[in-house]
C-alpha atoms as a PDB file:
ATOM      1  CA  UNK A   1      93.441 108.310  95.033  1.00  0.00           C
ATOM      2  CA  UNK A   2      94.301 105.253  97.084  1.00  0.00           C
ATOM      3  CA  UNK A   3      96.369 102.343  95.769  1.00  0.00           C
ATOM      4  CA  UNK A   4      96.559  98.929  97.376  1.00  0.00           C
ATOM      5  CA  UNK A   5      98.611  95.841  96.582  1.00  0.00           C
ATOM      6  CA  UNK A   6      96.188  92.918  96.929  1.00  0.00           C
ATOM      7  CA  UNK A   7      98.171  89.695  96.458  1.00  0.00           C
ATOM      8  CA  UNK A   8      95.061  87.512  96.748  1.00  0.00           C
ATOM      9  CA  UNK A   9      93.694  88.718  93.381  1.00  0.00           C
ATOM     10  CA  UNK A  10      93.836  85.701  91.094  1.00  0.00           C
ATOM     11  CA  UNK A  11      91.431  86.543  88.271  1.00  0.00           C
ATOM     12  CA  UNK A  12      88.791  88.888  86.875  1.00  0.00           C
ATOM     13  CA  UNK A  13      86.166  87.397  89.204  1.00  0.00           C
ATOM     14  CA  UNK A  14      88.284  88.499  92.181  1.00  0.00           C
ATOM     15  CA  UNK A  15      88.472  91.982  90.687  1.00  0.00           C
ATOM     16  CA  UNK A  16      84.691  92.077  90.198  1.00  0.00           C
ATOM     17  CA  UNK A  17      84.107  90.937  93.795  1.00  0.00           C
ATOM     18  CA  UNK A  18      86.398  93.654  95.155  1.00  0.00           C
ATOM     19  CA  UNK A  19      84.832  96.302  92.910  1.00  0.00           C
ATOM     20  CA  UNK A  20      81.316  95.390  94.100  1.00  0.00           C
ATOM     21  CA  UNK A  21      82.418  95.425  97.752  1.00  0.00           C
ATOM     22  CA  UNK A  22      83.996  98.874  97.410  1.00  0.00           C
ATOM     23  CA  UNK A  23      80.982 100.263  95.532  1.00  0.00           C
ATOM     24  CA  UNK A  24      78.645  98.924  98.230  1.00  0.00           C
ATOM     25  CA  UNK A  25      80.572 101.004 100.789  1.00  0.00           C
ATOM     26  CA  UNK A  26      81.339 103.969  98.531  1.00  0.00           C
ATOM     27  CA  UNK A  27      78.883 104.125  95.583  1.00  0.00           C
ATOM     28  CA  UNK A  28      80.646 107.144  94.069  1.00  0.00           C
ATOM     29  CA  UNK A  29      84.077 105.478  94.070  1.00  0.00           C
ATOM     30  CA  UNK A  30      85.935 104.979  90.790  1.00  0.00           C
ATOM     31  CA  UNK A  31      87.610 101.564  91.025  1.00  0.00           C
ATOM     32  CA  UNK A  32      90.360 100.371  88.666  1.00  0.00           C
ATOM     33  CA  UNK A  33      91.940  96.959  89.251  1.00  0.00           C
ATOM     34  CA  UNK A  34      94.947  95.571  87.382  1.00  0.00           C
ATOM     35  CA  UNK A  35      94.707  91.803  87.801  1.00  0.00           C
ATOM     36  CA  UNK A  36      98.210  91.272  86.372  1.00  0.00           C
ATOM     37  CA  UNK A  37      99.955  93.484  88.919  1.00  0.00           C
ATOM     38  CA  UNK A  38      97.350  92.837  91.660  1.00  0.00           C
ATOM     39  CA  UNK A  39      96.924  96.571  92.252  1.00  0.00           C
ATOM     40  CA  UNK A  40      93.629  98.186  93.244  1.00  0.00           C
ATOM     41  CA  UNK A  41      93.306 101.937  92.566  1.00  0.00           C
ATOM     42  CA  UNK A  42      90.362 103.759  94.085  1.00  0.00           C
ATOM     43  CA  UNK A  43      89.379 107.376  93.484  1.00  0.00           C
ATOM     44  CA  UNK A  44      86.966 108.383  96.243  1.00  0.00           C
ATOM     45  CA  UNK A  45      86.083 111.034  98.784  1.00  0.00           C
ATOM     46  CA  UNK A  46      85.643 108.226 101.344  1.00  0.00           C
ATOM     47  CA  UNK A  47      88.177 107.197 103.938  1.00  0.00           C
ATOM     48  CA  UNK A  48      91.059 104.814 103.330  1.00  0.00           C
ATOM     49  CA  UNK A  49      89.819 102.705 106.248  1.00  0.00           C
ATOM     50  CA  UNK A  50      86.421 102.223 104.591  1.00  0.00           C
ATOM     51  CA  UNK A  51      88.079 101.033 101.378  1.00  0.00           C
ATOM     52  CA  UNK A  52      90.472  98.707 103.220  1.00  0.00           C
ATOM     53  CA  UNK A  53      87.576  97.202 105.177  1.00  0.00           C
ATOM     54  CA  UNK A  54      85.609  96.576 101.967  1.00  0.00           C
ATOM     55  CA  UNK A  55      88.564  94.732 100.394  1.00  0.00           C
ATOM     56  CA  UNK A  56      89.170  92.634 103.512  1.00  0.00           C
ATOM     57  CA  UNK A  57      85.457  91.913 103.983  1.00  0.00           C
ATOM     58  CA  UNK A  58      85.397  90.659 100.371  1.00  0.00           C
ATOM     59  CA  UNK A  59      87.861  87.971 101.496  1.00  0.00           C
ATOM     60  CA  UNK A  60      91.074  89.515 100.207  1.00  0.00           C
ATOM     61  CA  UNK A  61      94.333  90.583 101.802  1.00  0.00           C
ATOM     62  CA  UNK A  62      96.165  93.886 101.517  1.00  0.00           C
ATOM     63  CA  UNK A  63      99.962  93.900 101.388  1.00  0.00           C
ATOM     64  CA  UNK A  64     101.826  96.460 103.435  1.00  0.00           C
END
């Protein structure tokens, strides 16, 4: 499981955009996003770099 702090998440639409981007890269990924805490949790066999790239390519930033 990978967890990312994504401070650019502002609403549910942001969460949906990130979820779609991750699923496009890793269709088997289980994505859980908490909009309130701006945390993205991803359960996947894919690489952390693939997930990070999907989030960034969706127009969001990753903290840390």
